[in-house]
Amino acid sequence: MGRLETIRLDAQMEEFIDTQLRDGNYGSVDEVVDAALRVLQHKAERDAIEAAIIEGEQSGEPEEFDGEEFLSELHRKHVR
């Protein structure tokens, strides 16, 4: 169950919501706000993915991976 929050809308936000309702895009103010929050969430997720990609690209050339050496090291550290 969601939590109840109070939000303040400036004139521009009120106009946007009224337009969305008038155009029939949404049935209630709650639906407009929910849709806007989903857009913000998706944008935050995309921004995080983009930042991770940039970090990966800037991390340098990949190093050769030796699976056998990796497993041997794991066994040495964790298997008794």
Protein backbone atom coordinates (compact mmCIF):
# COMPACT_ATOMS: atom_id res chain seq x y z
CA MET A 1 0.00 0.00 0.00
CA GLY A 2 1.31 3.45 -0.87
CA ARG A 3 1.75 6.25 1.56
CA LEU A 4 -0.26 9.45 1.56
CA GLU A 5 1.70 12.58 0.69
CA THR A 6 0.74 16.19 0.21
CA ILE A 7 2.34 18.06 -2.68
CA ARG A 8 2.22 21.72 -3.59
CA LEU A 9 1.65 22.57 -7.23
CA ASP A 10 2.78 25.80 -8.80
CA ALA A 11 0.71 27.41 -11.56
CA GLN A 12 2.69 25.70 -14.32
CA MET A 13 2.18 22.25 -12.79
CA GLU A 14 -1.53 22.93 -12.26
CA GLU A 15 -1.86 23.97 -15.89
CA PHE A 16 -0.05 20.82 -17.06
CA ILE A 17 -2.30 18.57 -14.96
CA ASP A 18 -5.43 20.39 -16.14
CA THR A 19 -4.29 19.96 -19.75
CA GLN A 20 -3.67 16.24 -19.26
CA LEU A 21 -7.11 15.79 -17.72
CA ARG A 22 -8.86 17.96 -20.32
CA ASP A 23 -7.17 16.09 -23.20
CA GLY A 24 -8.36 12.80 -21.73
CA ASN A 25 -4.85 11.42 -21.25
CA TYR A 26 -5.61 10.58 -17.61
CA GLY A 27 -8.74 10.18 -15.52
CA SER A 28 -7.57 11.81 -12.30
CA VAL A 29 -4.90 14.02 -10.79
CA ASP A 30 -3.52 10.94 -9.01
CA GLU A 31 -2.97 9.22 -12.36
CA VAL A 32 -1.14 12.25 -13.76
CA VAL A 33 1.13 12.48 -10.70
CA ASP A 34 1.77 8.71 -10.75
CA ALA A 35 2.72 8.88 -14.43
CA ALA A 36 5.04 11.83 -13.78
CA LEU A 37 6.74 9.98 -10.92
CA ARG A 38 7.24 6.92 -13.12
CA VAL A 39 8.89 9.13 -15.76
CA LEU A 40 11.21 10.58 -13.10
CA GLN A 41 12.06 7.09 -11.83
CA HIS A 42 12.88 5.85 -15.35
CA LYS A 43 15.02 8.94 -15.96
CA ALA A 44 16.94 8.32 -12.74
CA GLU A 45 17.49 4.68 -13.77
CA ARG A 46 18.70 5.72 -17.24
CA ASP A 47 21.02 8.32 -15.70
CA ALA A 48 22.50 5.67 -13.39
CA ILE A 49 23.04 3.27 -16.30
CA GLU A 50 24.61 6.02 -18.39
CA ALA A 51 26.96 6.94 -15.51
CA ALA A 52 27.98 3.28 -15.13
CA ILE A 53 28.68 2.99 -18.86
CA ILE A 54 30.81 6.14 -18.81
CA GLU A 55 32.69 4.86 -15.76
CA GLY A 56 33.33 1.58 -17.54
CA GLU A 57 34.52 3.30 -20.69
CA GLN A 58 36.89 5.48 -18.69
CA SER A 59 38.30 2.58 -16.65
CA GLY A 60 40.81 1.63 -19.31
CA GLU A 61 41.47 -1.40 -21.40
CA PRO A 62 40.14 -4.74 -20.17
CA GLU A 63 42.59 -7.15 -18.59
CA GLU A 64 42.86 -10.81 -19.55
CA PHE A 65 40.80 -13.04 -17.26
CA ASP A 66 42.18 -16.40 -16.19
CA GLY A 67 39.25 -18.47 -14.95
CA GLU A 68 41.42 -21.26 -13.55
CA GLU A 69 43.53 -18.81 -11.56
CA PHE A 70 40.38 -17.10 -10.28
CA LEU A 71 38.89 -20.42 -9.09
CA SER A 72 42.16 -21.47 -7.49
CA GLU A 73 42.28 -18.19 -5.57
CA LEU A 74 38.67 -18.63 -4.42
CA HIS A 75 39.37 -22.16 -3.22
CA ARG A 76 42.53 -21.03 -1.45
CA LYS A 77 40.63 -18.28 0.41
CA HIS A 78 37.34 -19.99 1.15
CA VAL A 79 37.65 -23.80 1.05
CA ARG A 80 39.05 -25.46 4.14
